[in-house]
């Protein structure tokens, strides 16, 4: 993976993570069972960002 591809992927993951964090309350308030799904997605994004930074 080139530096340009890595940076592009990092920005995409960061954008997705920002979306979930900014809208967390709204996403989980509508349907409480979405909390598990949203939490798993946030954890997946954080792990992917950590892997890219290595």
N, C-alpha and C. Protein backbone atom coordinates (compact mmCIF):
# COMPACT_ATOMS: atom_id res chain seq x y z
N UNK A 1 0.85 -1.18 0.00
CA UNK A 1 0.00 0.00 0.00
C UNK A 1 0.90 1.24 0.00
N UNK A 2 0.66 2.12 -0.93
CA UNK A 2 1.47 3.33 -1.02
C UNK A 2 1.04 4.32 0.06
N UNK A 3 1.87 5.32 0.26
CA UNK A 3 1.55 6.35 1.25
C UNK A 3 0.26 7.08 0.90
N UNK A 4 0.05 7.31 -0.38
CA UNK A 4 -1.16 8.01 -0.83
C UNK A 4 -2.41 7.17 -0.55
N UNK A 5 -2.33 5.88 -0.84
CA UNK A 5 -3.46 4.98 -0.57
C UNK A 5 -3.72 4.88 0.92
N UNK A 6 -2.65 4.80 1.70
CA UNK A 6 -2.77 4.70 3.16
C UNK A 6 -3.43 5.95 3.72
N UNK A 7 -3.02 7.11 3.25
CA UNK A 7 -3.60 8.38 3.72
C UNK A 7 -5.07 8.47 3.32
N UNK A 8 -5.40 8.05 2.12
CA UNK A 8 -6.77 8.06 1.65
C UNK A 8 -7.65 7.15 2.51
N UNK A 9 -7.15 5.97 2.80
CA UNK A 9 -7.88 5.02 3.64
C UNK A 9 -8.03 5.56 5.06
N UNK A 10 -6.99 6.18 5.58
CA UNK A 10 -7.03 6.76 6.93
C UNK A 10 -8.10 7.85 7.00
N UNK A 11 -8.16 8.70 5.99
CA UNK A 11 -9.16 9.77 5.97
C UNK A 11 -10.58 9.22 5.87
N UNK A 12 -10.75 8.16 5.09
CA UNK A 12 -12.08 7.54 4.97
C UNK A 12 -12.52 6.93 6.30
N UNK A 13 -11.60 6.21 6.94
CA UNK A 13 -11.92 5.60 8.24
C UNK A 13 -12.21 6.66 9.29
N UNK A 14 -11.42 7.73 9.27
CA UNK A 14 -11.63 8.81 10.23
C UNK A 14 -12.98 9.48 10.01
N UNK A 15 -13.36 9.66 8.77
CA UNK A 15 -14.66 10.25 8.45
C UNK A 15 -15.80 9.36 8.96
N UNK A 16 -15.68 8.05 8.75
CA UNK A 16 -16.69 7.11 9.23
C UNK A 16 -16.77 7.14 10.76
N UNK A 17 -15.61 7.14 11.41
CA UNK A 17 -15.57 7.17 12.87
C UNK A 17 -16.19 8.46 13.40
N UNK A 18 -15.87 9.59 12.78
CA UNK A 18 -16.46 10.87 13.19
C UNK A 18 -17.98 10.84 13.09
N UNK A 19 -18.49 10.22 12.02
CA UNK A 19 -19.94 10.12 11.84
C UNK A 19 -20.57 9.36 13.02
N UNK A 20 -20.02 8.20 13.35
CA UNK A 20 -20.58 7.40 14.44
C UNK A 20 -20.47 8.11 15.78
N UNK A 21 -19.35 8.77 16.02
CA UNK A 21 -19.18 9.46 17.30
C UNK A 21 -20.08 10.69 17.40
N UNK A 22 -20.22 11.43 16.33
CA UNK A 22 -21.06 12.63 16.34
C UNK A 22 -22.54 12.29 16.48
N UNK A 23 -22.95 11.15 15.95
CA UNK A 23 -24.37 10.77 15.93
C UNK A 23 -24.69 9.62 16.87
N UNK A 24 -23.79 9.32 17.80
CA UNK A 24 -23.95 8.16 18.67
C UNK A 24 -25.28 8.16 19.41
N UNK A 25 -25.60 9.25 20.08
CA UNK A 25 -26.84 9.30 20.87
C UNK A 25 -28.07 9.12 20.00
N UNK A 26 -28.07 9.78 18.87
CA UNK A 26 -29.22 9.67 17.97
C UNK A 26 -29.36 8.25 17.42
N UNK A 27 -28.25 7.65 17.04
CA UNK A 27 -28.29 6.30 16.48
C UNK A 27 -28.76 5.27 17.51
N UNK A 28 -28.35 5.42 18.75
CA UNK A 28 -28.69 4.43 19.77
C UNK A 28 -30.01 4.73 20.47
N UNK A 29 -30.48 5.95 20.41
CA UNK A 29 -31.74 6.29 21.06
C UNK A 29 -32.93 5.73 20.28
N UNK A 30 -32.86 5.76 18.97
CA UNK A 30 -33.96 5.30 18.13
C UNK A 30 -34.24 3.82 18.39
N UNK A 31 -33.21 3.03 18.40
CA UNK A 31 -33.36 1.59 18.69
C UNK A 31 -32.23 1.17 19.61
N UNK A 32 -32.56 0.87 20.85
CA UNK A 32 -31.51 0.50 21.83
C UNK A 32 -30.64 -0.68 21.39
N UNK A 33 -31.20 -1.62 20.60
CA UNK A 33 -30.37 -2.76 20.17
C UNK A 33 -29.32 -2.34 19.15
N UNK A 34 -29.40 -1.14 18.61
CA UNK A 34 -28.37 -0.64 17.70
C UNK A 34 -27.08 -0.30 18.44
N UNK A 35 -27.16 -0.14 19.76
CA UNK A 35 -25.97 0.22 20.55
C UNK A 35 -24.84 -0.79 20.33
N UNK A 36 -25.17 -2.09 20.37
CA UNK A 36 -24.15 -3.12 20.16
C UNK A 36 -23.54 -3.00 18.77
N UNK A 37 -24.38 -2.79 17.78
CA UNK A 37 -23.91 -2.68 16.40
C UNK A 37 -23.01 -1.47 16.23
N UNK A 38 -23.44 -0.33 16.77
CA UNK A 38 -22.66 0.91 16.65
C UNK A 38 -21.34 0.77 17.41
N UNK A 39 -21.38 0.18 18.61
CA UNK A 39 -20.15 -0.02 19.39
C UNK A 39 -19.17 -0.93 18.65
N UNK A 40 -19.68 -1.99 18.03
CA UNK A 40 -18.80 -2.89 17.27
C UNK A 40 -18.17 -2.17 16.08
N UNK A 41 -18.97 -1.35 15.41
CA UNK A 41 -18.46 -0.61 14.25
C UNK A 41 -17.39 0.40 14.67
N UNK A 42 -17.61 1.08 15.79
CA UNK A 42 -16.62 2.03 16.30
C UNK A 42 -15.33 1.29 16.64
N UNK A 43 -15.44 0.15 17.32
CA UNK A 43 -14.24 -0.63 17.66
C UNK A 43 -13.51 -1.10 16.41
N UNK A 44 -14.26 -1.52 15.39
CA UNK A 44 -13.64 -1.97 14.14
C UNK A 44 -12.85 -0.83 13.48
N UNK A 45 -13.46 0.35 13.47
CA UNK A 45 -12.80 1.51 12.85
C UNK A 45 -11.55 1.90 13.62
N UNK A 46 -11.62 1.89 14.95
CA UNK A 46 -10.45 2.24 15.78
C UNK A 46 -9.32 1.25 15.53
N UNK A 47 -9.64 -0.05 15.46
CA UNK A 47 -8.61 -1.06 15.19
C UNK A 47 -7.98 -0.87 13.82
N UNK A 48 -8.81 -0.56 12.83
CA UNK A 48 -8.29 -0.35 11.48
C UNK A 48 -7.37 0.86 11.43
N UNK A 49 -7.74 1.92 12.14
CA UNK A 49 -6.90 3.12 12.18
C UNK A 49 -5.57 2.83 12.88
N UNK A 50 -5.62 2.06 13.95
CA UNK A 50 -4.39 1.69 14.65
C UNK A 50 -3.50 0.86 13.75
N UNK A 51 -4.09 -0.06 13.00
CA UNK A 51 -3.30 -0.92 12.11
C UNK A 51 -2.63 -0.09 11.01
N UNK A 52 -3.32 0.94 10.52
CA UNK A 52 -2.74 1.79 9.48
C UNK A 52 -1.58 2.64 10.01
N UNK A 53 -1.64 2.96 11.28
CA UNK A 53 -0.60 3.85 11.83
C UNK A 53 0.69 3.10 12.13
N UNK A 54 0.69 1.79 12.04
CA UNK A 54 1.90 1.01 12.33
C UNK A 54 2.84 0.99 11.17
